[in-house]
Every structure is written in structure tokens, then in C-alpha cells.
Amino acid sequence: MRRVHVIVTGTVQGVGYRWSTRLRAEGLGLGGWVRNRGDGAVEAELEGPEDAVEQLLDWMADGPPGARVRDFRTAELDPTGAKHFEVRA
């Protein structure tokens, strides 16, 4: 099990980044959340099997069509057992 905190900057708001992340996370069976930040970044926590987390991180580094990822930072966290993925305000 792996849990990671992610901050993505660039053109990542207003392009479907959060909703696309949620759909992909759910498809991979991941728990966690994603939200827009006031500074224009997108922030997320992902939790689940190592390979599924890696798959979503690989996708997040580019994002959906229309996104232009400038910077992508991750930090490892202790797993909590999260099973549900949500979009936060």
C-alpha cells in the first residue's frame, strides 16, 4: 500500500483535471482526494496498491487534453486505508 501527496502547477484548473483524476483514480481502485488550490495549483492525495498509484502519477504528470503541467511534486505519506476517492472544493 502506498499513499502520496501531489501538487501540480501550470494550466491545471478549468481543463477538467480534477474530474479526470477522479475518474482515473476510481478506475484504478484508489482512495484519496483531489482539489483546486487558491494559487492555481491542483493538490491530491492518492492511496492504494503501488502499481496503481504509479499509473495515476504517470498520467497526472501530463493531465488531460488542455492541461499544461509545469511542475509536479510528490511526497510520501503513511497509508491510512482510504478506499473512496473524492473531489474536494
PDB file of N, CA and C in Angstrom:
ATOM      1  N   MET A   1       0.842  -1.174   0.000  1.00  0.00           N
ATOM      2  CA  MET A   1       0.000   0.000   0.000  1.00  0.00           C
ATOM      3  C   MET A   1       0.891   1.242   0.000  1.00  0.00           C
ATOM      4  N   ARG A   2       0.491   2.221  -0.785  1.00  0.00           N
ATOM      5  CA  ARG A   2       1.250   3.464  -0.893  1.00  0.00           C
ATOM      6  C   ARG A   2       0.294   4.643  -0.834  1.00  0.00           C
ATOM      7  N   ARG A   3       0.721   5.705  -0.160  1.00  0.00           N
ATOM      8  CA  ARG A   3      -0.037   6.959  -0.093  1.00  0.00           C
ATOM      9  C   ARG A   3       0.921   8.089  -0.435  1.00  0.00           C
ATOM     10  N   VAL A   4       0.479   8.977  -1.330  1.00  0.00           N
ATOM     11  CA  VAL A   4       1.343  10.063  -1.775  1.00  0.00           C
ATOM     12  C   VAL A   4       0.541  11.359  -1.882  1.00  0.00           C
ATOM     13  N   HIS A   5       1.183  12.452  -1.508  1.00  0.00           N
ATOM     14  CA  HIS A   5       0.623  13.799  -1.638  1.00  0.00           C
ATOM     15  C   HIS A   5       1.216  14.407  -2.904  1.00  0.00           C
ATOM     16  N   VAL A   6       0.369  15.039  -3.731  1.00  0.00           N
ATOM     17  CA  VAL A   6       0.790  15.553  -5.029  1.00  0.00           C
ATOM     18  C   VAL A   6       0.376  17.016  -5.162  1.00  0.00           C
ATOM     19  N   ILE A   7       1.262  17.844  -5.686  1.00  0.00           N
ATOM     20  CA  ILE A   7       0.929  19.219  -6.064  1.00  0.00           C
ATOM     21  C   ILE A   7       1.348  19.407  -7.515  1.00  0.00           C
ATOM     22  N   VAL A   8       0.395  19.834  -8.341  1.00  0.00           N
ATOM     23  CA  VAL A   8       0.621  20.016  -9.769  1.00  0.00           C
ATOM     24  C   VAL A   8       0.370  21.488 -10.105  1.00  0.00           C
ATOM     25  N   THR A   9       1.329  22.119 -10.778  1.00  0.00           N
ATOM     26  CA  THR A   9       1.157  23.519 -11.176  1.00  0.00           C
ATOM     27  C   THR A   9       1.231  23.638 -12.696  1.00  0.00           C
ATOM     28  N   GLY A  10       0.774  24.764 -13.177  1.00  0.00           N
ATOM     29  CA  GLY A  10       0.713  25.038 -14.610  1.00  0.00           C
ATOM     30  C   GLY A  10      -0.720  25.393 -14.967  1.00  0.00           C
ATOM     31  N   THR A  11      -1.131  25.063 -16.178  1.00  0.00           N
ATOM     32  CA  THR A  11      -2.521  25.255 -16.588  1.00  0.00           C
ATOM     33  C   THR A  11      -3.260  23.970 -16.235  1.00  0.00           C
ATOM     34  N   VAL A  12      -3.731  23.898 -14.993  1.00  0.00           N
ATOM     35  CA  VAL A  12      -4.351  22.671 -14.496  1.00  0.00           C
ATOM     36  C   VAL A  12      -5.736  22.911 -13.894  1.00  0.00           C
ATOM     37  N   GLN A  13      -6.190  24.143 -13.908  1.00  0.00           N
ATOM     38  CA  GLN A  13      -7.550  24.441 -13.470  1.00  0.00           C
ATOM     39  C   GLN A  13      -8.362  24.888 -14.672  1.00  0.00           C
ATOM     40  N   GLY A  14      -9.628  24.483 -14.694  1.00  0.00           N
ATOM     41  CA  GLY A  14     -10.506  24.859 -15.792  1.00  0.00           C
ATOM     42  C   GLY A  14     -10.336  23.991 -17.035  1.00  0.00           C
ATOM     43  N   VAL A  15      -9.632  22.858 -16.895  1.00  0.00           N
ATOM     44  CA  VAL A  15      -9.398  21.964 -18.035  1.00  0.00           C
ATOM     45  C   VAL A  15      -9.865  20.530 -17.741  1.00  0.00           C
ATOM     46  N   GLY A  16     -10.620  20.339 -16.666  1.00  0.00           N
ATOM     47  CA  GLY A  16     -11.117  19.007 -16.326  1.00  0.00           C
ATOM     48  C   GLY A  16     -10.113  18.138 -15.590  1.00  0.00           C
ATOM     49  N   TYR A  17      -9.083  18.748 -15.041  1.00  0.00           N
ATOM     50  CA  TYR A  17      -8.025  17.987 -14.381  1.00  0.00           C
ATOM     51  C   TYR A  17      -8.555  17.214 -13.169  1.00  0.00           C
ATOM     52  N   ARG A  18      -9.305  17.879 -12.300  1.00  0.00           N
ATOM     53  CA  ARG A  18      -9.810  17.196 -11.093  1.00  0.00           C
ATOM     54  C   ARG A  18     -10.733  16.041 -11.440  1.00  0.00           C
ATOM     55  N   TRP A  19     -11.677  16.289 -12.338  1.00  0.00           N
ATOM     56  CA  TRP A  19     -12.660  15.248 -12.668  1.00  0.00           C
ATOM     57  C   TRP A  19     -12.005  14.084 -13.392  1.00  0.00           C
ATOM     58  N   SER A  20     -11.071  14.369 -14.259  1.00  0.00           N
ATOM     59  CA  SER A  20     -10.349  13.303 -14.942  1.00  0.00           C
ATOM     60  C   SER A  20      -9.515  12.489 -13.954  1.00  0.00           C
ATOM     61  N   THR A  21      -8.911  13.173 -12.994  1.00  0.00           N
ATOM     62  CA  THR A  21      -8.132  12.484 -11.961  1.00  0.00           C
ATOM     63  C   THR A  21      -9.044  11.564 -11.149  1.00  0.00           C
ATOM     64  N   ARG A  22     -10.217  12.067 -10.766  1.00  0.00           N
ATOM     65  CA  ARG A  22     -11.156  11.243 -10.001  1.00  0.00           C
ATOM     66  C   ARG A  22     -11.565   9.999 -10.779  1.00  0.00           C
ATOM     67  N   LEU A  23     -11.921  10.167 -12.045  1.00  0.00           N
ATOM     68  CA  LEU A  23     -12.346   9.022 -12.844  1.00  0.00           C
ATOM     69  C   LEU A  23     -11.236   7.986 -12.982  1.00  0.00           C
ATOM     70  N   ARG A  24     -10.016   8.438 -13.209  1.00  0.00           N
ATOM     71  CA  ARG A  24      -8.892   7.509 -13.336  1.00  0.00           C
ATOM     72  C   ARG A  24      -8.590   6.835 -12.005  1.00  0.00           C
ATOM     73  N   ALA A  25      -8.646   7.597 -10.912  1.00  0.00           N
ATOM     74  CA  ALA A  25      -8.389   7.019  -9.585  1.00  0.00           C
ATOM     75  C   ALA A  25      -9.418   5.939  -9.260  1.00  0.00           C
ATOM     76  N   GLU A  26     -10.679   6.235  -9.519  1.00  0.00           N
ATOM     77  CA  GLU A  26     -11.720   5.245  -9.264  1.00  0.00           C
ATOM     78  C   GLU A  26     -11.526   4.003 -10.128  1.00  0.00           C
ATOM     79  N   GLY A  27     -11.158   4.190 -11.385  1.00  0.00           N
ATOM     80  CA  GLY A  27     -10.913   3.069 -12.277  1.00  0.00           C
ATOM     81  C   GLY A  27      -9.759   2.191 -11.831  1.00  0.00           C
ATOM     82  N   LEU A  28      -8.801   2.798 -11.131  1.00  0.00           N
ATOM     83  CA  LEU A  28      -7.649   2.056 -10.626  1.00  0.00           C
ATOM     84  C   LEU A  28      -7.875   1.529  -9.211  1.00  0.00           C
ATOM     85  N   GLY A  29      -9.033   1.843  -8.626  1.00  0.00           N
ATOM     86  CA  GLY A  29      -9.342   1.377  -7.279  1.00  0.00           C
ATOM     87  C   GLY A  29      -8.607   2.119  -6.177  1.00  0.00           C
ATOM     88  N   LEU A  30      -8.264   3.385  -6.426  1.00  0.00           N
ATOM     89  CA  LEU A  30      -7.528   4.175  -5.442  1.00  0.00           C
ATOM     90  C   LEU A  30      -8.465   4.953  -4.532  1.00  0.00           C
ATOM     91  N   GLY A  31      -7.991   5.238  -3.334  1.00  0.00           N
ATOM     92  CA  GLY A  31      -8.668   6.132  -2.414  1.00  0.00           C
ATOM     93  C   GLY A  31      -7.942   7.466  -2.399  1.00  0.00           C
ATOM     94  N   GLY A  32      -8.586   8.469  -1.799  1.00  0.00           N
ATOM     95  CA  GLY A  32      -7.955   9.770  -1.648  1.00  0.00           C
ATOM     96  C   GLY A  32      -8.842  10.903  -2.093  1.00  0.00           C
ATOM     97  N   TRP A  33      -8.226  11.993  -2.534  1.00  0.00           N
ATOM     98  CA  TRP A  33      -8.976  13.178  -2.922  1.00  0.00           C
ATOM     99  C   TRP A  33      -8.143  14.041  -3.870  1.00  0.00           C
ATOM    100  N   VAL A  34      -8.831  14.988  -4.517  1.00  0.00           N
ATOM    101  CA  VAL A  34      -8.193  15.971  -5.383  1.00  0.00           C
ATOM    102  C   VAL A  34      -8.950  17.287  -5.232  1.00  0.00           C
ATOM    103  N   ARG A  35      -8.233  18.413  -5.302  1.00  0.00           N
ATOM    104  CA  ARG A  35      -8.889  19.723  -5.193  1.00  0.00           C
ATOM    105  C   ARG A  35      -8.067  20.793  -5.889  1.00  0.00           C
ATOM    106  N   ASN A  36      -8.757  21.866  -6.258  1.00  0.00           N
ATOM    107  CA  ASN A  36      -8.090  23.074  -6.750  1.00  0.00           C
ATOM    108  C   ASN A  36      -7.627  23.878  -5.560  1.00  0.00           C
ATOM    109  N   ARG A  37      -6.463  24.480  -5.680  1.00  0.00           N
ATOM    110  CA  ARG A  37      -5.973  25.387  -4.644  1.00  0.00           C
ATOM    111  C   ARG A  37      -6.154  26.820  -5.107  1.00  0.00           C
ATOM    112  N   GLY A  38      -6.177  27.732  -4.164  1.00  0.00           N
ATOM    113  CA  GLY A  38      -6.346  29.141  -4.471  1.00  0.00           C
ATOM    114  C   GLY A  38      -5.218  29.740  -5.286  1.00  0.00           C
ATOM    115  N   ASP A  39      -4.049  29.094  -5.265  1.00  0.00           N
ATOM    116  CA  ASP A  39      -2.894  29.616  -6.010  1.00  0.00           C
ATOM    117  C   ASP A  39      -2.830  29.112  -7.447  1.00  0.00           C
ATOM    118  N   GLY A  40      -3.882  28.397  -7.899  1.00  0.00           N
ATOM    119  CA  GLY A  40      -3.932  27.901  -9.271  1.00  0.00           C
ATOM    120  C   GLY A  40      -3.426  26.484  -9.448  1.00  0.00           C
ATOM    121  N   ALA A  41      -2.890  25.884  -8.385  1.00  0.00           N
ATOM    122  CA  ALA A  41      -2.392  24.510  -8.452  1.00  0.00           C
ATOM    123  C   ALA A  41      -3.528  23.524  -8.195  1.00  0.00           C
ATOM    124  N   VAL A  42      -3.264  22.266  -8.498  1.00  0.00           N
ATOM    125  CA  VAL A  42      -4.143  21.172  -8.117  1.00  0.00           C
ATOM    126  C   VAL A  42      -3.381  20.340  -7.090  1.00  0.00           C
ATOM    127  N   GLU A  43      -4.070  19.945  -6.035  1.00  0.00           N
ATOM    128  CA  GLU A  43      -3.473  19.170  -4.958  1.00  0.00           C
ATOM    129  C   GLU A  43      -4.250  17.870  -4.802  1.00  0.00           C
ATOM    130  N   ALA A  44      -3.548  16.790  -4.501  1.00  0.00           N
ATOM    131  CA  ALA A  44      -4.224  15.499  -4.353  1.00  0.00           C
ATOM    132  C   ALA A  44      -3.487  14.615  -3.355  1.00  0.00           C
ATOM    133  N   GLU A  45      -4.219  13.651  -2.818  1.00  0.00           N
ATOM    134  CA  GLU A  45      -3.630  12.534  -2.092  1.00  0.00           C
ATOM    135  C   GLU A  45      -4.172  11.274  -2.731  1.00  0.00           C
ATOM    136  N   LEU A  46      -3.279  10.336  -3.024  1.00  0.00           N
ATOM    137  CA  LEU A  46      -3.624   9.083  -3.671  1.00  0.00           C
ATOM    138  C   LEU A  46      -3.200   7.947  -2.761  1.00  0.00           C
ATOM    139  N   GLU A  47      -4.046   6.927  -2.648  1.00  0.00           N
ATOM    140  CA  GLU A  47      -3.689   5.792  -1.809  1.00  0.00           C
ATOM    141  C   GLU A  47      -4.197   4.492  -2.414  1.00  0.00           C
ATOM    142  N   GLY A  48      -3.326   3.509  -2.428  1.00  0.00           N
ATOM    143  CA  GLY A  48      -3.702   2.197  -2.934  1.00  0.00           C
ATOM    144  C   GLY A  48      -2.476   1.382  -3.283  1.00  0.00           C
ATOM    145  N   PRO A  49      -2.665   0.330  -4.087  1.00  0.00           N
ATOM    146  CA  PRO A  49      -1.543  -0.504  -4.487  1.00  0.00           C
ATOM    147  C   PRO A  49      -0.479   0.304  -5.235  1.00  0.00           C
ATOM    148  N   GLU A  50       0.766  -0.026  -4.987  1.00  0.00           N
ATOM    149  CA  GLU A  50       1.909   0.690  -5.575  1.00  0.00           C
ATOM    150  C   GLU A  50       1.776   0.883  -7.086  1.00  0.00           C
ATOM    151  N   ASP A  51       1.436  -0.171  -7.822  1.00  0.00           N
ATOM    152  CA  ASP A  51       1.377  -0.060  -9.278  1.00  0.00           C
ATOM    153  C   ASP A  51       0.257   0.863  -9.738  1.00  0.00           C
ATOM    154  N   ALA A  52      -0.881   0.844  -9.033  1.00  0.00           N
ATOM    155  CA  ALA A  52      -1.999   1.725  -9.400  1.00  0.00           C
ATOM    156  C   ALA A  52      -1.654   3.187  -9.106  1.00  0.00           C
ATOM    157  N   VAL A  53      -1.006   3.442  -7.981  1.00  0.00           N
ATOM    158  CA  VAL A  53      -0.572   4.808  -7.653  1.00  0.00           C
ATOM    159  C   VAL A  53       0.404   5.302  -8.719  1.00  0.00           C
ATOM    160  N   GLU A  54       1.351   4.468  -9.111  1.00  0.00           N
ATOM    161  CA  GLU A  54       2.324   4.855 -10.147  1.00  0.00           C
ATOM    162  C   GLU A  54       1.636   5.169 -11.468  1.00  0.00           C
ATOM    163  N   GLN A  55       0.643   4.368 -11.837  1.00  0.00           N
ATOM    164  CA  GLN A  55      -0.077   4.625 -13.084  1.00  0.00           C
ATOM    165  C   GLN A  55      -0.749   5.987 -13.071  1.00  0.00           C
ATOM    166  N   LEU A  56      -1.395   6.325 -11.932  1.00  0.00           N
ATOM    167  CA  LEU A  56      -2.065   7.624 -11.862  1.00  0.00           C
ATOM    168  C   LEU A  56      -1.047   8.759 -11.822  1.00  0.00           C
ATOM    169  N   LEU A  57       0.047   8.585 -11.104  1.00  0.00           N
ATOM    170  CA  LEU A  57       1.084   9.622 -11.083  1.00  0.00           C
ATOM    171  C   LEU A  57       1.639   9.871 -12.483  1.00  0.00           C
ATOM    172  N   ASP A  58       1.853   8.801 -13.242  1.00  0.00           N
ATOM    173  CA  ASP A  58       2.342   8.966 -14.616  1.00  0.00           C
ATOM    174  C   ASP A  58       1.365   9.789 -15.444  1.00  0.00           C
ATOM    175  N   TRP A  59       0.065   9.508 -15.291  1.00  0.00           N
ATOM    176  CA  TRP A  59      -0.944  10.263 -16.033  1.00  0.00           C
ATOM    177  C   TRP A  59      -0.993  11.714 -15.553  1.00  0.00           C
ATOM    178  N   MET A  60      -0.934  11.937 -14.238  1.00  0.00           N
ATOM    179  CA  MET A  60      -1.028  13.281 -13.679  1.00  0.00           C
ATOM    180  C   MET A  60       0.127  14.180 -14.131  1.00  0.00           C
ATOM    181  N   ALA A  61       1.252  13.599 -14.457  1.00  0.00           N
ATOM    182  CA  ALA A  61       2.393  14.393 -14.910  1.00  0.00           C
ATOM    183  C   ALA A  61       2.099  15.100 -16.232  1.00  0.00           C
ATOM    184  N   ASP A  62       1.123  14.602 -16.983  1.00  0.00           N
ATOM    185  CA  ASP A  62       0.687  15.251 -18.229  1.00  0.00           C
ATOM    186  C   ASP A  62      -0.721  15.810 -18.107  1.00  0.00           C
ATOM    187  N   GLY A  63      -1.622  15.069 -17.460  1.00  0.00           N
ATOM    188  CA  GLY A  63      -3.007  15.500 -17.276  1.00  0.00           C
ATOM    189  C   GLY A  63      -3.847  15.324 -18.524  1.00  0.00           C
ATOM    190  N   PRO A  64      -5.072  15.839 -18.475  1.00  0.00           N
ATOM    191  CA  PRO A  64      -5.999  15.698 -19.592  1.00  0.00           C
ATOM    192  C   PRO A  64      -5.643  16.659 -20.730  1.00  0.00           C
ATOM    193  N   PRO A  65      -6.279  16.460 -21.908  1.00  0.00           N
ATOM    194  CA  PRO A  65      -6.064  17.425 -23.002  1.00  0.00           C
ATOM    195  C   PRO A  65      -6.405  18.842 -22.522  1.00  0.00           C
ATOM    196  N   GLY A  66      -5.601  19.788 -22.871  1.00  0.00           N
ATOM    197  CA  GLY A  66      -5.819  21.165 -22.451  1.00  0.00           C
ATOM    198  C   GLY A  66      -4.962  21.559 -21.259  1.00  0.00           C
ATOM    199  N   ALA A  67      -4.525  20.585 -20.471  1.00  0.00           N
ATOM    200  CA  ALA A  67      -3.656  20.874 -19.325  1.00  0.00           C
ATOM    201  C   ALA A  67      -2.232  21.081 -19.813  1.00  0.00           C
ATOM    202  N   ARG A  68      -1.522  21.943 -19.124  1.00  0.00           N
ATOM    203  CA  ARG A  68      -0.103  22.164 -19.382  1.00  0.00           C
ATOM    204  C   ARG A  68       0.607  22.116 -18.035  1.00  0.00           C
ATOM    205  N   VAL A  69       1.116  20.953 -17.677  1.00  0.00           N
ATOM    206  CA  VAL A  69       1.765  20.771 -16.377  1.00  0.00           C
ATOM    207  C   VAL A  69       3.148  21.400 -16.423  1.00  0.00           C
ATOM    208  N   ARG A  70       3.383  22.315 -15.495  1.00  0.00           N
ATOM    209  CA  ARG A  70       4.682  22.992 -15.400  1.00  0.00           C
ATOM    210  C   ARG A  70       5.567  22.327 -14.354  1.00  0.00           C
ATOM    211  N   ASP A  71       4.982  21.982 -13.201  1.00  0.00           N
ATOM    212  CA  ASP A  71       5.739  21.375 -12.107  1.00  0.00           C
ATOM    213  C   ASP A  71       4.868  20.315 -11.454  1.00  0.00           C
ATOM    214  N   PHE A  72       5.504  19.271 -10.991  1.00  0.00           N
ATOM    215  CA  PHE A  72       4.806  18.118 -10.429  1.00  0.00           C
ATOM    216  C   PHE A  72       5.631  17.627  -9.244  1.00  0.00           C
ATOM    217  N   ARG A  73       5.107  17.813  -8.031  1.00  0.00           N
ATOM    218  CA  ARG A  73       5.848  17.425  -6.824  1.00  0.00           C
ATOM    219  C   ARG A  73       5.073  16.384  -6.036  1.00  0.00           C
ATOM    220  N   THR A  74       5.786  15.427  -5.483  1.00  0.00           N
ATOM    221  CA  THR A  74       5.156  14.392  -4.662  1.00  0.00           C
ATOM    222  C   THR A  74       5.892  14.262  -3.338  1.00  0.00           C
ATOM    223  N   ALA A  75       5.151  13.800  -2.344  1.00  0.00           N
ATOM    224  CA  ALA A  75       5.732  13.478  -1.040  1.00  0.00           C
ATOM    225  C   ALA A  75       5.048  12.217  -0.524  1.00  0.00           C
ATOM    226  N   GLU A  76       5.832  11.296  -0.028  1.00  0.00           N
ATOM    227  CA  GLU A  76       5.292  10.053   0.507  1.00  0.00           C
ATOM    228  C   GLU A  76       4.659  10.299   1.877  1.00  0.00           C
ATOM    229  N   LEU A  77       3.547   9.633   2.136  1.00  0.00           N
ATOM    230  CA  LEU A  77       2.827   9.716   3.398  1.00  0.00           C
ATOM    231  C   LEU A  77       2.566   8.305   3.915  1.00  0.00           C
ATOM    232  N   ASP A  78       2.243   8.194   5.182  1.00  0.00           N
ATOM    233  CA  ASP A  78       1.863   6.901   5.739  1.00  0.00           C
ATOM    234  C   ASP A  78       0.447   6.560   5.288  1.00  0.00           C
ATOM    235  N   PRO A  79       0.219   5.341   4.816  1.00  0.00           N
ATOM    236  CA  PRO A  79      -1.119   4.935   4.384  1.00  0.00           C
ATOM    237  C   PRO A  79      -2.137   5.004   5.525  1.00  0.00           C
ATOM    238  N   THR A  80      -3.389   5.323   5.175  1.00  0.00           N
ATOM    239  CA  THR A  80      -4.469   5.404   6.159  1.00  0.00           C
ATOM    240  C   THR A  80      -5.558   4.373   5.908  1.00  0.00           C
ATOM    241  N   GLY A  81      -5.505   3.713   4.756  1.00  0.00           N
ATOM    242  CA  GLY A  81      -6.546   2.744   4.413  1.00  0.00           C
ATOM    243  C   GLY A  81      -7.710   3.356   3.652  1.00  0.00           C
ATOM    244  N   ALA A  82      -7.537   4.556   3.090  1.00  0.00           N
ATOM    245  CA  ALA A  82      -8.611   5.221   2.346  1.00  0.00           C
ATOM    246  C   ALA A  82      -9.056   4.350   1.170  1.00  0.00           C
ATOM    247  N   LYS A  83     -10.351   4.212   1.006  1.00  0.00           N
ATOM    248  CA  LYS A  83     -10.913   3.393  -0.074  1.00  0.00           C
ATOM    249  C   LYS A  83     -11.716   4.210  -1.081  1.00  0.00           C
ATOM    250  N   HIS A  84     -12.187   5.380  -0.694  1.00  0.00           N
ATOM    251  CA  HIS A  84     -13.050   6.222  -1.522  1.00  0.00           C
ATOM    252  C   HIS A  84     -12.229   7.377  -2.083  1.00  0.00           C
ATOM    253  N   PHE A  85     -12.524   7.794  -3.332  1.00  0.00           N
ATOM    254  CA  PHE A  85     -11.845   8.940  -3.921  1.00  0.00           C
ATOM    255  C   PHE A  85     -12.862  10.033  -4.167  1.00  0.00           C
ATOM    256  N   GLU A  86     -12.524  11.263  -3.780  1.00  0.00           N
ATOM    257  CA  GLU A  86     -13.467  12.371  -3.923  1.00  0.00           C
ATOM    258  C   GLU A  86     -12.803  13.618  -4.478  1.00  0.00           C
ATOM    259  N   VAL A  87     -13.639  14.471  -5.057  1.00  0.00           N
ATOM    260  CA  VAL A  87     -13.214  15.809  -5.470  1.00  0.00           C
ATOM    261  C   VAL A  87     -13.624  16.741  -4.347  1.00  0.00           C
ATOM    262  N   ARG A  88     -12.668  17.482  -3.845  1.00  0.00           N
ATOM    263  CA  ARG A  88     -12.952  18.439  -2.772  1.00  0.00           C
ATOM    264  C   ARG A  88     -13.017  19.863  -3.339  1.00  0.00           C
ATOM    265  N   ALA A  89     -13.773  20.702  -2.661  1.00  0.00           N
ATOM    266  CA  ALA A  89     -13.891  22.095  -3.070  1.00  0.00           C
ATOM    267  C   ALA A  89     -12.674  22.890  -2.638  1.00  0.00           C
TER     268      ALA A  89
END
